[in-house]
């Protein structure tokens, strides 16, 4: 793997997982608010 390619892949992976966790927690919060 390229020296420049690896950090970019790692950064993209971090951003993807962060946005996934963020949207997932917002969805769970939305559902729990609707259940109340």
PDB file of N, CA and C in Angstrom:
ATOM      1  N   UNK A   1       0.837  -1.204   0.000  1.00  0.00           N
ATOM      2  CA  UNK A   1       0.000   0.000   0.000  1.00  0.00           C
ATOM      3  C   UNK A   1       0.871   1.253   0.000  1.00  0.00           C
ATOM      4  N   UNK A   2       0.377   2.266  -0.641  1.00  0.00           N
ATOM      5  CA  UNK A   2       1.121   3.521  -0.757  1.00  0.00           C
ATOM      6  C   UNK A   2       1.191   4.251   0.580  1.00  0.00           C
ATOM      7  N   UNK A   3       2.216   5.068   0.731  1.00  0.00           N
ATOM      8  CA  UNK A   3       2.370   5.849   1.971  1.00  0.00           C
ATOM      9  C   UNK A   3       1.257   6.888   2.091  1.00  0.00           C
ATOM     10  N   UNK A   4       0.838   7.430   0.963  1.00  0.00           N
ATOM     11  CA  UNK A   4      -0.192   8.465   0.970  1.00  0.00           C
ATOM     12  C   UNK A   4      -1.583   7.836   0.975  1.00  0.00           C
ATOM     13  N   UNK A   5      -1.666   6.640   0.427  1.00  0.00           N
ATOM     14  CA  UNK A   5      -2.962   5.980   0.306  1.00  0.00           C
ATOM     15  C   UNK A   5      -3.488   5.520   1.659  1.00  0.00           C
ATOM     16  N   UNK A   6      -2.586   5.066   2.521  1.00  0.00           N
ATOM     17  CA  UNK A   6      -3.023   4.502   3.800  1.00  0.00           C
ATOM     18  C   UNK A   6      -3.705   5.516   4.714  1.00  0.00           C
ATOM     19  N   UNK A   7      -3.108   6.708   4.949  1.00  0.00           N
ATOM     20  CA  UNK A   7      -3.791   7.685   5.818  1.00  0.00           C
ATOM     21  C   UNK A   7      -5.147   8.114   5.270  1.00  0.00           C
ATOM     22  N   UNK A   8      -5.257   8.234   3.959  1.00  0.00           N
ATOM     23  CA  UNK A   8      -6.527   8.649   3.365  1.00  0.00           C
ATOM     24  C   UNK A   8      -7.589   7.578   3.594  1.00  0.00           C
ATOM     25  N   UNK A   9      -7.199   6.324   3.445  1.00  0.00           N
ATOM     26  CA  UNK A   9      -8.129   5.217   3.675  1.00  0.00           C
ATOM     27  C   UNK A   9      -8.549   5.171   5.136  1.00  0.00           C
ATOM     28  N   UNK A  10      -7.588   5.368   6.021  1.00  0.00           N
ATOM     29  CA  UNK A  10      -7.863   5.355   7.454  1.00  0.00           C
ATOM     30  C   UNK A  10      -8.801   6.499   7.830  1.00  0.00           C
ATOM     31  N   UNK A  11      -8.557   7.670   7.257  1.00  0.00           N
ATOM     32  CA  UNK A  11      -9.377   8.845   7.539  1.00  0.00           C
ATOM     33  C   UNK A  11     -10.803   8.634   7.041  1.00  0.00           C
ATOM     34  N   UNK A  12     -10.933   8.084   5.835  1.00  0.00           N
ATOM     35  CA  UNK A  12     -12.260   7.833   5.277  1.00  0.00           C
ATOM     36  C   UNK A  12     -13.010   6.810   6.130  1.00  0.00           C
ATOM     37  N   UNK A  13     -12.279   5.808   6.603  1.00  0.00           N
ATOM     38  CA  UNK A  13     -12.882   4.780   7.445  1.00  0.00           C
ATOM     39  C   UNK A  13     -13.366   5.388   8.760  1.00  0.00           C
ATOM     40  N   UNK A  14     -12.560   6.266   9.334  1.00  0.00           N
ATOM     41  CA  UNK A  14     -12.929   6.931  10.588  1.00  0.00           C
ATOM     42  C   UNK A  14     -14.182   7.777  10.409  1.00  0.00           C
ATOM     43  N   UNK A  15     -14.207   8.550   9.328  1.00  0.00           N
ATOM     44  CA  UNK A  15     -15.350   9.429   9.063  1.00  0.00           C
ATOM     45  C   UNK A  15     -16.610   8.601   8.833  1.00  0.00           C
ATOM     46  N   UNK A  16     -16.467   7.496   8.093  1.00  0.00           N
ATOM     47  CA  UNK A  16     -17.625   6.654   7.799  1.00  0.00           C
ATOM     48  C   UNK A  16     -18.205   6.050   9.073  1.00  0.00           C
ATOM     49  N   UNK A  17     -17.334   5.490   9.914  1.00  0.00           N
ATOM     50  CA  UNK A  17     -17.826   4.857  11.140  1.00  0.00           C
ATOM     51  C   UNK A  17     -18.383   5.895  12.106  1.00  0.00           C
ATOM     52  N   UNK A  18     -17.777   7.082  12.121  1.00  0.00           N
ATOM     53  CA  UNK A  18     -18.266   8.137  13.013  1.00  0.00           C
ATOM     54  C   UNK A  18     -19.659   8.590  12.592  1.00  0.00           C
ATOM     55  N   UNK A  19     -19.864   8.774  11.290  1.00  0.00           N
ATOM     56  CA  UNK A  19     -21.175   9.213  10.813  1.00  0.00           C
ATOM     57  C   UNK A  19     -22.214   8.110  11.006  1.00  0.00           C
ATOM     58  N   UNK A  20     -21.777   6.847  10.886  1.00  0.00           N
ATOM     59  CA  UNK A  20     -22.700   5.729  11.088  1.00  0.00           C
ATOM     60  C   UNK A  20     -23.164   5.678  12.541  1.00  0.00           C
ATOM     61  N   UNK A  21     -22.213   5.808  13.458  1.00  0.00           N
ATOM     62  CA  UNK A  21     -22.542   5.783  14.885  1.00  0.00           C
ATOM     63  C   UNK A  21     -23.430   6.974  15.238  1.00  0.00           C
ATOM     64  N   UNK A  22     -23.130   8.132  14.650  1.00  0.00           N
ATOM     65  CA  UNK A  22     -23.903   9.344  14.929  1.00  0.00           C
ATOM     66  C   UNK A  22     -25.348   9.183  14.474  1.00  0.00           C
ATOM     67  N   UNK A  23     -25.542   8.713  13.243  1.00  0.00           N
ATOM     68  CA  UNK A  23     -26.902   8.560  12.734  1.00  0.00           C
ATOM     69  C   UNK A  23     -27.640   7.453  13.483  1.00  0.00           C
ATOM     70  N   UNK A  24     -26.911   6.403  13.884  1.00  0.00           N
ATOM     71  CA  UNK A  24     -27.536   5.293  14.599  1.00  0.00           C
ATOM     72  C   UNK A  24     -28.022   5.750  15.972  1.00  0.00           C
ATOM     73  N   UNK A  25     -27.210   6.535  16.670  1.00  0.00           N
ATOM     74  CA  UNK A  25     -27.606   6.998  17.999  1.00  0.00           C
ATOM     75  C   UNK A  25     -28.752   8.000  17.896  1.00  0.00           C
ATOM     76  N   UNK A  26     -28.747   8.814  16.842  1.00  0.00           N
ATOM     77  CA  UNK A  26     -29.854   9.759  16.646  1.00  0.00           C
ATOM     78  C   UNK A  26     -31.140   9.003  16.363  1.00  0.00           C
ATOM     79  N   UNK A  27     -31.036   7.929  15.590  1.00  0.00           N
ATOM     80  CA  UNK A  27     -32.213   7.122  15.274  1.00  0.00           C
ATOM     81  C   UNK A  27     -32.767   6.469  16.536  1.00  0.00           C
ATOM     82  N   UNK A  28     -31.866   5.956  17.392  1.00  0.00           N
ATOM     83  CA  UNK A  28     -32.298   5.323  18.629  1.00  0.00           C
ATOM     84  C   UNK A  28     -32.950   6.345  19.555  1.00  0.00           C
ATOM     85  N   UNK A  29     -32.381   7.543  19.599  1.00  0.00           N
ATOM     86  CA  UNK A  29     -32.936   8.603  20.428  1.00  0.00           C
ATOM     87  C   UNK A  29     -34.335   8.974  19.920  1.00  0.00           C
ATOM     88  N   UNK A  30     -34.494   9.051  18.604  1.00  0.00           N
ATOM     89  CA  UNK A  30     -35.761   9.392  17.987  1.00  0.00           C
ATOM     90  C   UNK A  30     -36.817   8.343  18.332  1.00  0.00           C
ATOM     91  N   UNK A  31     -36.432   7.073  18.273  1.00  0.00           N
ATOM     92  CA  UNK A  31     -37.365   5.985  18.571  1.00  0.00           C
ATOM     93  C   UNK A  31     -37.774   6.009  20.039  1.00  0.00           C
ATOM     94  N   UNK A  32     -36.808   6.212  20.927  1.00  0.00           N
ATOM     95  CA  UNK A  32     -37.139   6.216  22.359  1.00  0.00           C
ATOM     96  C   UNK A  32     -38.014   7.414  22.717  1.00  0.00           C
ATOM     97  N   UNK A  33     -37.813   8.537  22.035  1.00  0.00           N
ATOM     98  CA  UNK A  33     -38.653   9.715  22.287  1.00  0.00           C
ATOM     99  C   UNK A  33     -40.079   9.433  21.815  1.00  0.00           C
ATOM    100  N   UNK A  34     -40.212   8.732  20.686  1.00  0.00           N
ATOM    101  CA  UNK A  34     -41.539   8.411  20.170  1.00  0.00           C
ATOM    102  C   UNK A  34     -42.264   7.415  21.062  1.00  0.00           C
ATOM    103  N   UNK A  35     -41.517   6.561  21.747  1.00  0.00           N
ATOM    104  CA  UNK A  35     -42.146   5.551  22.602  1.00  0.00           C
ATOM    105  C   UNK A  35     -42.648   6.147  23.907  1.00  0.00           C
ATOM    106  N   UNK A  36     -42.106   7.278  24.309  1.00  0.00           N
ATOM    107  CA  UNK A  36     -42.506   7.879  25.582  1.00  0.00           C
ATOM    108  C   UNK A  36     -43.915   8.446  25.519  1.00  0.00           C
TER     109      UNK A  36
END
